[in-house]
Amino acid sequence: MSQAEATPATQPGTGTNGSPRKKLFLMLLAVVVIGAIAYGVYWFMHASKFVSTDNAYTAVEVAQVTPSTGGTVKEVRVVDTQSVKEGEVLVVIDDTDARLSLSQAQADVERATAQLAAAESDYERAGIDLKRRQALVSSGSVSGEELTRAQNTYTSGKANIAAAKAAIELAKARADQARVDLGRTVVRAPVAGVVAKRSVQVGQRIAAGTPLLAIVPVQDMHVDANFKEGQLEKVRPGQKAELIADIHGKDVVYHGVVEGFSGGTGSAFALIPAQNATGNWIKVVQRLPVRIKLDPEEIKAHPLQVGLSMAVTIDVRDQGQQQ
């Protein structure tokens, strides 16, 4: 018998050829098991204590600037992207009509005051005349009709004084309104921030309530983070959050606090809300906006604008504010 016939054939996956493959398989299995255990430990010890999303954007309560009185625009002192302080003059409206109205109102006050003085003088004379006639009634020198006429004059004089006083109050109110309208010809910034959406031009005739521009108070920036509904089980107002803005990268980390939750999901407030009561219903995971307040000092050091993308991570270990 030849040597080739005496040596049995090696079966695939066994003997010398199968041993390395089996070892590799066992090593791979060990790596997978160790990785799963490591991830489980990481999730239990750390990851389960945080919820995060990159579906978050900066937002702010934009202040719309509208005039309280109409007129022709005389000056526009700001442009888009300009920073302004609270109370700074933005737009000046021609005040010619307002000054004329104030002068007329002040003249009405003076006229009403003069009418009051005349009414008080007439009332005083009517009182003296009434007393003199009452003294002559017993002697028969004054008739009853004449006495009644004097009494009526005295009474009407008192009513004239009351009417004159009311006219003065009305004239003063009109003068105060004219004075306020004159002050409103100078439009000032209601808040500090950055000018945006300026649409007013010099020489433009505007009416009260016409939108002129907007001011974005970037120092009061907050973040609306849209978390999945399944992530919000442990999220509470008052919990701390860390945020990263795409515009500054991971080197800049913002710190914030959860302020509260929106009253409904985005789909609930959509122009055409979803009709879930249909036969073709498919469950879609909803997202609920969570408002996060940012640290003003960090915003000052690293400014943000409205609508920028943010990545948000909330630490749910803290119980936050007790409800």
Protein backbone atom coordinates (compact mmCIF):
# COMPACT_ATOMS: atom_id res chain seq x y z
CA MET A 1 0.00 0.00 0.00
CA SER A 2 1.35 3.42 -0.94
CA GLN A 3 1.96 6.21 1.57
CA ALA A 4 -0.76 8.40 -0.03
CA GLU A 5 -3.31 5.62 0.41
CA ALA A 6 -2.27 5.01 4.05
CA THR A 7 -2.81 8.68 5.15
CA PRO A 8 -6.49 9.46 5.68
CA ALA A 9 -7.90 12.58 3.92
CA THR A 10 -8.29 15.66 6.10
CA GLN A 11 -11.94 16.72 6.38
CA PRO A 12 -12.82 20.43 5.89
CA GLY A 13 -13.16 22.33 9.17
CA THR A 14 -11.36 19.62 11.21
CA GLY A 15 -7.81 18.72 12.09
CA THR A 16 -4.97 21.05 11.34
CA ASN A 17 -6.79 23.15 8.69
CA GLY A 18 -9.96 23.72 10.87
CA SER A 19 -8.26 24.72 14.11
CA PRO A 20 -7.22 28.32 13.08
CA ARG A 21 -10.67 29.06 11.69
CA LYS A 22 -12.31 27.89 14.89
CA LYS A 23 -9.97 30.02 16.94
CA LEU A 24 -10.76 33.09 14.81
CA PHE A 25 -14.46 32.45 15.20
CA LEU A 26 -14.14 32.13 18.97
CA MET A 27 -12.05 35.29 19.12
CA LEU A 28 -14.64 37.20 17.08
CA LEU A 29 -17.41 35.90 19.30
CA ALA A 30 -15.46 36.96 22.38
CA VAL A 31 -14.93 40.45 20.94
CA VAL A 32 -18.65 40.79 20.20
CA VAL A 33 -19.62 39.61 23.67
CA ILE A 34 -17.09 41.91 25.35
CA GLY A 35 -18.26 44.82 23.20
CA ALA A 36 -21.91 44.14 24.07
CA ILE A 37 -21.06 43.93 27.75
CA ALA A 38 -18.99 47.09 27.56
CA TYR A 39 -21.79 48.96 25.77
CA GLY A 40 -24.31 47.66 28.31
CA VAL A 41 -22.15 48.86 31.18
CA TYR A 42 -21.62 52.22 29.42
CA TRP A 43 -25.32 52.62 28.77
CA PHE A 44 -26.30 51.69 32.31
CA MET A 45 -23.62 53.78 33.99
CA HIS A 46 -23.63 56.82 31.70
CA ALA A 47 -25.70 56.92 28.52
CA SER A 48 -29.01 56.15 30.26
CA LYS A 49 -28.52 59.28 32.37
CA PHE A 50 -28.66 61.59 29.36
CA VAL A 51 -30.98 62.28 26.43
CA SER A 52 -29.78 64.10 23.35
CA THR A 53 -30.92 65.34 19.96
CA ASP A 54 -29.51 67.33 17.08
CA ASN A 55 -33.00 68.46 16.04
CA ALA A 56 -32.66 71.77 17.88
CA TYR A 57 -32.52 75.39 16.76
CA THR A 58 -31.91 78.77 18.35
CA ALA A 59 -34.91 81.06 18.75
CA VAL A 60 -35.84 84.36 20.37
CA GLU A 61 -38.88 86.55 21.02
CA VAL A 62 -38.55 89.04 18.14
CA ALA A 63 -39.79 92.59 18.88
CA GLN A 64 -41.82 94.12 16.06
CA VAL A 65 -41.46 97.92 15.87
CA THR A 66 -44.62 99.76 14.80
CA PRO A 67 -45.49 103.47 15.21
CA SER A 68 -48.34 104.58 17.46
CA THR A 69 -49.03 107.59 15.27
CA GLY A 70 -49.03 108.19 11.53
CA GLY A 71 -47.14 110.68 9.41
CA THR A 72 -44.32 111.16 6.95
CA VAL A 73 -40.97 109.56 7.83
CA LYS A 74 -38.37 112.25 8.36
CA GLU A 75 -35.37 110.17 9.44
CA VAL A 76 -34.36 106.51 9.59
CA ARG A 77 -31.32 106.14 11.82
CA VAL A 78 -30.67 102.39 11.65
CA VAL A 79 -29.94 99.71 9.06
CA ASP A 80 -30.22 95.93 9.07
CA THR A 81 -27.64 94.07 11.21
CA GLN A 82 -27.04 97.19 13.35
CA SER A 83 -26.92 96.70 17.12
CA VAL A 84 -29.12 99.08 19.12
CA LYS A 85 -29.70 99.77 22.80
CA GLU A 86 -33.07 99.93 24.51
CA GLY A 87 -34.55 103.40 24.07
CA GLU A 88 -32.31 104.32 21.13
CA VAL A 89 -33.98 106.40 18.39
CA LEU A 90 -34.83 104.31 15.32
CA VAL A 91 -37.20 106.41 13.20
CA VAL A 92 -38.29 110.06 13.34
CA ILE A 93 -41.71 111.05 11.93
CA ASP A 94 -42.45 114.61 10.81
CA ASP A 95 -44.03 116.27 13.87
CA THR A 96 -45.58 119.35 12.23
CA ASP A 97 -49.16 118.08 12.50
CA ALA A 98 -48.58 116.84 16.04
CA ARG A 99 -47.23 120.24 17.15
CA LEU A 100 -50.22 122.04 15.62
CA SER A 101 -52.60 119.66 17.38
CA LEU A 102 -50.83 120.29 20.69
CA SER A 103 -50.99 124.09 20.24
CA GLN A 104 -54.70 123.88 19.47
CA ALA A 105 -55.33 121.66 22.48
CA GLN A 106 -53.45 124.04 24.78
CA ALA A 107 -55.50 126.95 23.40
CA ASP A 108 -58.67 124.97 24.15
CA VAL A 109 -57.49 124.57 27.75
CA GLU A 110 -56.93 128.31 28.09
CA ARG A 111 -60.34 129.09 26.58
CA ALA A 112 -62.07 126.62 28.88
CA THR A 113 -60.25 128.13 31.87
CA ALA A 114 -61.44 131.61 30.88
CA GLN A 115 -65.01 130.31 30.54
CA LEU A 116 -64.78 128.85 34.04
CA ALA A 117 -63.62 132.18 35.45
CA ALA A 118 -66.54 133.95 33.75
CA ALA A 119 -69.02 131.36 34.99
CA GLU A 120 -67.74 131.70 38.57
CA SER A 121 -68.03 135.51 38.33
CA ASP A 122 -71.61 135.26 37.03
CA TYR A 123 -72.42 132.76 39.78
CA GLU A 124 -71.09 135.10 42.45
CA ARG A 125 -73.13 138.04 41.10
CA ALA A 126 -76.24 135.86 40.88
CA GLY A 127 -75.75 134.86 44.51
CA ILE A 128 -75.47 138.48 45.66
CA ASP A 129 -78.53 139.45 43.62
CA LEU A 130 -80.54 136.52 45.03
CA LYS A 131 -79.72 137.47 48.64
CA ARG A 132 -80.72 141.10 48.03
CA ARG A 133 -84.04 140.13 46.51
CA GLN A 134 -84.75 137.61 49.29
CA ALA A 135 -84.26 140.45 51.81
CA LEU A 136 -86.84 142.61 49.96
CA VAL A 137 -89.50 139.94 49.65
CA SER A 138 -91.00 140.64 53.09
CA SER A 139 -91.43 144.36 52.30
CA GLY A 140 -93.23 143.60 49.05
CA SER A 141 -90.65 145.42 46.91
CA VAL A 142 -89.86 142.19 44.97
CA SER A 143 -92.48 140.03 43.36
CA GLY A 144 -92.49 136.25 43.61
CA GLU A 145 -91.86 135.93 39.90
CA GLU A 146 -88.77 138.14 40.11
CA LEU A 147 -87.47 136.13 43.06
CA THR A 148 -87.99 132.87 41.17
CA ARG A 149 -86.10 134.27 38.20
CA ALA A 150 -83.16 135.19 40.45
CA GLN A 151 -83.16 131.72 41.98
CA ASN A 152 -83.12 130.13 38.50
CA THR A 153 -80.22 132.36 37.47
CA TYR A 154 -78.30 131.34 40.58
CA THR A 155 -78.98 127.65 39.95
CA SER A 156 -78.02 127.82 36.27
CA GLY A 157 -74.82 129.62 37.23
CA LYS A 158 -73.85 126.65 39.38
CA ALA A 159 -74.53 124.31 36.46
CA ASN A 160 -72.45 126.54 34.17
CA ILE A 161 -69.50 126.23 36.56
CA ALA A 162 -69.77 122.43 36.52
CA ALA A 163 -69.93 122.43 32.71
CA ALA A 164 -66.91 124.74 32.50
CA LYS A 165 -64.91 122.46 34.81
CA ALA A 166 -65.81 119.44 32.68
CA ALA A 167 -64.76 121.34 29.56
CA ILE A 168 -61.39 122.08 31.18
CA GLU A 169 -60.84 118.42 32.02
CA LEU A 170 -61.73 117.42 28.46
CA ALA A 171 -59.41 120.07 27.01
CA LYS A 172 -56.59 118.92 29.30
CA ALA A 173 -57.13 115.32 28.24
CA ARG A 174 -56.91 116.35 24.60
CA ALA A 175 -53.76 118.33 25.32
CA ASP A 176 -52.23 115.31 27.07
CA GLN A 177 -53.10 113.11 24.10
CA ALA A 178 -51.60 115.66 21.70
CA ARG A 179 -48.46 115.78 23.84
CA VAL A 180 -48.22 111.97 23.79
CA ASP A 181 -48.74 111.91 20.01
CA LEU A 182 -45.95 114.45 19.64
CA GLY A 183 -43.62 112.24 21.67
CA ARG A 184 -44.59 109.23 19.58
CA THR A 185 -43.23 110.85 16.43
CA VAL A 186 -39.87 109.63 17.70
CA VAL A 187 -39.86 105.81 17.50
CA ARG A 188 -37.44 104.20 19.94
CA ALA A 189 -36.16 100.66 20.38
CA PRO A 190 -38.36 98.71 22.83
CA VAL A 191 -35.51 96.30 23.61
CA ALA A 192 -31.80 95.99 22.96
CA GLY A 193 -30.78 93.80 20.04
CA VAL A 194 -29.99 93.63 16.35
CA VAL A 195 -32.08 95.35 13.68
CA ALA A 196 -33.67 93.06 11.09
CA LYS A 197 -36.32 93.20 8.37
CA ARG A 198 -36.16 96.99 7.98
CA SER A 199 -38.79 98.07 5.48
CA VAL A 200 -39.27 101.76 6.28
CA GLN A 201 -37.77 104.46 4.05
CA VAL A 202 -37.32 108.23 4.38
CA GLY A 203 -40.28 110.13 2.90
CA GLN A 204 -42.64 107.19 3.26
CA ARG A 205 -46.15 108.00 4.49
CA ILE A 206 -47.01 105.53 7.23
CA ALA A 207 -50.07 104.86 9.34
CA ALA A 208 -50.23 103.86 12.97
CA GLY A 209 -49.46 100.17 13.32
CA THR A 210 -47.44 99.85 10.11
CA PRO A 211 -44.53 97.38 10.63
CA LEU A 212 -41.28 99.33 10.27
CA LEU A 213 -38.62 96.83 11.33
CA ALA A 214 -37.86 94.11 13.84
CA ILE A 215 -35.35 93.91 16.66
CA VAL A 216 -33.82 90.56 17.55
CA PRO A 217 -32.74 90.50 21.23
CA VAL A 218 -29.87 88.08 20.64
CA GLN A 219 -28.81 88.40 24.28
CA ASP A 220 -32.03 86.62 25.29
CA MET A 221 -31.54 83.67 22.93
CA HIS A 222 -33.00 80.27 23.81
CA VAL A 223 -33.09 76.88 22.10
CA ASP A 224 -36.10 74.87 20.99
CA ALA A 225 -34.99 71.23 21.11
CA ASN A 226 -37.35 68.76 19.43
CA PHE A 227 -37.05 65.51 21.39
CA LYS A 228 -38.80 62.28 20.51
CA GLU A 229 -41.71 61.56 22.79
CA GLY A 230 -40.01 58.44 24.10
CA GLN A 231 -37.04 60.48 25.31
CA LEU A 232 -39.04 62.76 27.60
CA GLU A 233 -40.00 60.32 30.35
CA LYS A 234 -37.38 61.66 32.78
CA VAL A 235 -36.98 65.20 31.42
CA ARG A 236 -38.13 67.90 33.87
CA PRO A 237 -37.95 71.71 34.00
CA GLY A 238 -34.84 72.89 35.81
CA GLN A 239 -32.56 70.11 34.56
CA LYS A 240 -29.18 71.15 33.17
CA ALA A 241 -28.23 70.80 29.52
CA GLU A 242 -25.12 71.14 27.39
CA LEU A 243 -25.37 72.47 23.87
CA ILE A 244 -23.07 72.65 20.86
CA ALA A 245 -23.66 75.00 17.95
CA ASP A 246 -22.63 74.00 14.46
CA ILE A 247 -21.43 77.55 13.81
CA HIS A 248 -18.79 77.35 16.58
CA GLY A 249 -18.07 73.63 16.60
CA LYS A 250 -17.42 71.28 19.51
CA ASP A 251 -14.79 73.54 21.04
CA VAL A 252 -17.53 75.84 22.36
CA VAL A 253 -20.00 74.26 24.78
CA TYR A 254 -23.01 76.21 25.98
CA HIS A 255 -24.75 75.48 29.25
CA GLY A 256 -28.48 75.84 29.70
CA VAL A 257 -31.48 74.92 31.82
CA VAL A 258 -34.75 73.31 30.73
CA GLU A 259 -37.47 75.97 31.03
CA GLY A 260 -40.50 74.01 29.91
CA PHE A 261 -42.34 72.05 27.25
CA SER A 262 -44.44 73.18 24.33
CA GLY A 263 -48.20 72.80 24.62
CA GLY A 264 -48.26 70.35 21.73
CA THR A 265 -46.21 68.64 19.05
CA GLY A 266 -45.31 70.27 15.78
CA SER A 267 -47.90 68.24 13.88
CA ALA A 268 -50.63 69.31 16.31
CA PHE A 269 -50.04 72.97 15.42
CA ALA A 270 -49.56 72.37 11.70
CA LEU A 271 -51.68 74.29 9.21
CA ILE A 272 -53.27 70.98 8.21
CA PRO A 273 -53.18 68.71 11.30
CA ALA A 274 -52.74 64.99 10.78
CA GLN A 275 -56.00 63.03 10.57
CA ASN A 276 -55.18 59.95 12.64
CA ALA A 277 -58.74 58.62 12.73
CA THR A 278 -58.41 56.93 9.34
CA GLY A 279 -58.22 53.37 8.16
CA ASN A 280 -54.70 53.82 6.77
CA TRP A 281 -53.23 55.01 10.06
CA ILE A 282 -49.51 54.46 10.58
CA LYS A 283 -47.89 55.36 13.88
CA VAL A 284 -45.23 58.04 13.55
CA VAL A 285 -43.00 58.96 16.47
CA GLN A 286 -43.78 62.56 17.40
CA ARG A 287 -41.39 65.23 18.61
CA LEU A 288 -42.18 67.76 21.33
CA PRO A 289 -40.32 71.10 21.50
CA VAL A 290 -38.45 71.64 24.77
CA ARG A 291 -37.38 75.19 25.59
CA ILE A 292 -33.87 75.57 26.99
CA LYS A 293 -32.59 78.83 28.43
CA LEU A 294 -28.97 79.70 27.64
CA ASP A 295 -26.39 81.44 29.81
CA PRO A 296 -26.32 85.15 28.75
CA GLU A 297 -22.59 85.44 29.51
CA GLU A 298 -21.80 82.53 27.18
CA ILE A 299 -23.96 84.07 24.45
CA LYS A 300 -22.09 87.34 24.92
CA ALA A 301 -18.75 85.57 24.55
CA HIS A 302 -19.91 83.47 21.58
CA PRO A 303 -22.85 85.23 19.85
CA LEU A 304 -25.64 83.28 18.19
CA GLN A 305 -28.27 84.16 15.61
CA VAL A 306 -31.83 82.96 15.21
CA GLY A 307 -32.34 79.61 13.50
CA LEU A 308 -28.88 78.09 14.00
CA SER A 309 -28.57 74.32 14.42
CA MET A 310 -27.72 73.01 17.88
CA ALA A 311 -26.95 69.64 19.44
CA VAL A 312 -28.52 69.29 22.90
CA THR A 313 -27.80 66.86 25.72
CA ILE A 314 -29.93 66.95 28.90
CA ASP A 315 -28.74 65.44 32.17
CA VAL A 316 -31.79 63.60 33.54
CA ARG A 317 -30.09 62.50 36.80
CA ASP A 318 -31.25 65.73 38.41
CA GLN A 319 -34.96 65.75 39.24
CA GLY A 320 -35.22 69.44 38.30
CA GLN A 321 -38.12 71.48 39.63
CA GLN A 322 -40.66 69.48 41.62
CA GLN A 323 -44.04 69.61 39.92
